[in-house]
Amino acid sequence: MPERLLKIAEAAERLGTGERFIRRLISERRIAFVKVGRHVRITESVLDAYVTANTVNPVAPRRARAHYRRAA
């Protein structure tokens, strides 16, 4: 079954952003898109890949130093 093509408004809603952000991603060629005539569509897998690529994993907290020296 072919993948679903989302309108810009639908893609923005799915990412929880505004349409302007999606349009900027498209104009900067930071996200793949499909042109259907004059309409721009984005596949669901492209949005999933974008989220995965931009996910930042947490780091382990640094241990506090036991002793600090006073400045002279």
C-alpha atoms as a PDB file:
ATOM      1  CA  MET A   1       0.000   0.000   0.000  1.00  0.00           C
ATOM      2  CA  PRO A   2       1.428   3.426  -0.888  1.00  0.00           C
ATOM      3  CA  GLU A   3       2.501   5.675   1.908  1.00  0.00           C
ATOM      4  CA  ARG A   4       0.198   8.475   2.997  1.00  0.00           C
ATOM      5  CA  LEU A   5       1.092  11.986   1.824  1.00  0.00           C
ATOM      6  CA  LEU A   6       0.465  14.732   4.370  1.00  0.00           C
ATOM      7  CA  LYS A   7      -0.425  18.339   3.705  1.00  0.00           C
ATOM      8  CA  ILE A   8       1.763  20.976   5.334  1.00  0.00           C
ATOM      9  CA  ALA A   9      -0.891  21.642   7.970  1.00  0.00           C
ATOM     10  CA  GLU A  10      -1.103  17.934   8.805  1.00  0.00           C
ATOM     11  CA  ALA A  11       2.687  17.631   9.026  1.00  0.00           C
ATOM     12  CA  ALA A  12       2.840  20.674  11.312  1.00  0.00           C
ATOM     13  CA  GLU A  13       0.152  19.223  13.564  1.00  0.00           C
ATOM     14  CA  ARG A  14       1.947  15.889  13.724  1.00  0.00           C
ATOM     15  CA  LEU A  15       5.210  17.575  14.801  1.00  0.00           C
ATOM     16  CA  GLY A  16       3.427  19.997  17.103  1.00  0.00           C
ATOM     17  CA  THR A  17       4.758  23.037  15.261  1.00  0.00           C
ATOM     18  CA  GLY A  18       3.414  25.775  13.054  1.00  0.00           C
ATOM     19  CA  GLU A  19       3.083  25.560   9.291  1.00  0.00           C
ATOM     20  CA  ARG A  20       5.780  28.196   8.928  1.00  0.00           C
ATOM     21  CA  PHE A  21       8.364  25.841  10.461  1.00  0.00           C
ATOM     22  CA  ILE A  22       7.477  23.067   7.984  1.00  0.00           C
ATOM     23  CA  ARG A  23       7.658  25.505   5.074  1.00  0.00           C
ATOM     24  CA  ARG A  24      11.099  26.637   6.260  1.00  0.00           C
ATOM     25  CA  LEU A  25      12.313  23.019   6.428  1.00  0.00           C
ATOM     26  CA  ILE A  26      11.141  22.575   2.853  1.00  0.00           C
ATOM     27  CA  SER A  27      12.635  25.811   1.521  1.00  0.00           C
ATOM     28  CA  GLU A  28      15.994  25.061   3.187  1.00  0.00           C
ATOM     29  CA  ARG A  29      15.855  21.506   1.754  1.00  0.00           C
ATOM     30  CA  ARG A  30      16.267  20.046   5.256  1.00  0.00           C
ATOM     31  CA  ILE A  31      13.379  17.638   4.720  1.00  0.00           C
ATOM     32  CA  ALA A  32      12.335  15.583   1.701  1.00  0.00           C
ATOM     33  CA  PHE A  33       9.035  16.447   0.058  1.00  0.00           C
ATOM     34  CA  VAL A  34       6.877  15.539  -2.934  1.00  0.00           C
ATOM     35  CA  LYS A  35       5.505  18.003  -5.448  1.00  0.00           C
ATOM     36  CA  VAL A  36       2.072  17.054  -6.761  1.00  0.00           C
ATOM     37  CA  GLY A  37       1.457  19.724  -9.356  1.00  0.00           C
ATOM     38  CA  ARG A  38       1.803  22.924  -7.361  1.00  0.00           C
ATOM     39  CA  HIS A  39       0.994  21.216  -4.071  1.00  0.00           C
ATOM     40  CA  VAL A  40       3.686  20.148  -1.622  1.00  0.00           C
ATOM     41  CA  ARG A  41       3.250  16.936   0.353  1.00  0.00           C
ATOM     42  CA  ILE A  42       5.383  15.147   2.926  1.00  0.00           C
ATOM     43  CA  THR A  43       5.345  11.418   3.599  1.00  0.00           C
ATOM     44  CA  GLU A  44       4.906  10.104   7.112  1.00  0.00           C
ATOM     45  CA  SER A  45       8.208   8.215   6.974  1.00  0.00           C
ATOM     46  CA  VAL A  46      10.079  11.452   6.200  1.00  0.00           C
ATOM     47  CA  LEU A  47       8.653  13.049   9.344  1.00  0.00           C
ATOM     48  CA  ASP A  48       9.565   9.977  11.394  1.00  0.00           C
ATOM     49  CA  ALA A  49      13.119  10.068  10.000  1.00  0.00           C
ATOM     50  CA  TYR A  50      13.393  13.804  10.756  1.00  0.00           C
ATOM     51  CA  VAL A  51      12.330  13.263  14.364  1.00  0.00           C
ATOM     52  CA  THR A  52      14.735  10.335  14.758  1.00  0.00           C
ATOM     53  CA  ALA A  53      17.647  12.272  13.241  1.00  0.00           C
ATOM     54  CA  ASN A  54      17.049  15.261  15.522  1.00  0.00           C
ATOM     55  CA  THR A  55      16.428  13.390  18.750  1.00  0.00           C
ATOM     56  CA  VAL A  56      18.975  14.261  21.413  1.00  0.00           C
ATOM     57  CA  ASN A  57      19.659  11.548  23.956  1.00  0.00           C
ATOM     58  CA  PRO A  58      20.205  12.513  27.594  1.00  0.00           C
ATOM     59  CA  VAL A  59      23.665  12.354  29.091  1.00  0.00           C
ATOM     60  CA  ALA A  60      24.561  10.955  32.487  1.00  0.00           C
ATOM     61  CA  PRO A  61      24.818  13.662  35.150  1.00  0.00           C
ATOM     62  CA  ARG A  62      28.328  14.620  36.145  1.00  0.00           C
ATOM     63  CA  ARG A  63      29.414  13.820  39.648  1.00  0.00           C
ATOM     64  CA  ALA A  64      30.027  16.808  41.865  1.00  0.00           C
ATOM     65  CA  ARG A  65      33.561  17.292  43.096  1.00  0.00           C
ATOM     66  CA  ALA A  66      34.015  16.468  46.742  1.00  0.00           C
ATOM     67  CA  HIS A  67      36.501  19.221  47.513  1.00  0.00           C
ATOM     68  CA  TYR A  68      36.847  22.636  46.014  1.00  0.00           C
ATOM     69  CA  ARG A  69      39.881  24.756  46.697  1.00  0.00           C
ATOM     70  CA  ARG A  70      39.311  28.325  47.687  1.00  0.00           C
ATOM     71  CA  ALA A  71      40.642  30.968  45.398  1.00  0.00           C
ATOM     72  CA  ALA A  72      43.564  32.955  46.785  1.00  0.00           C
END
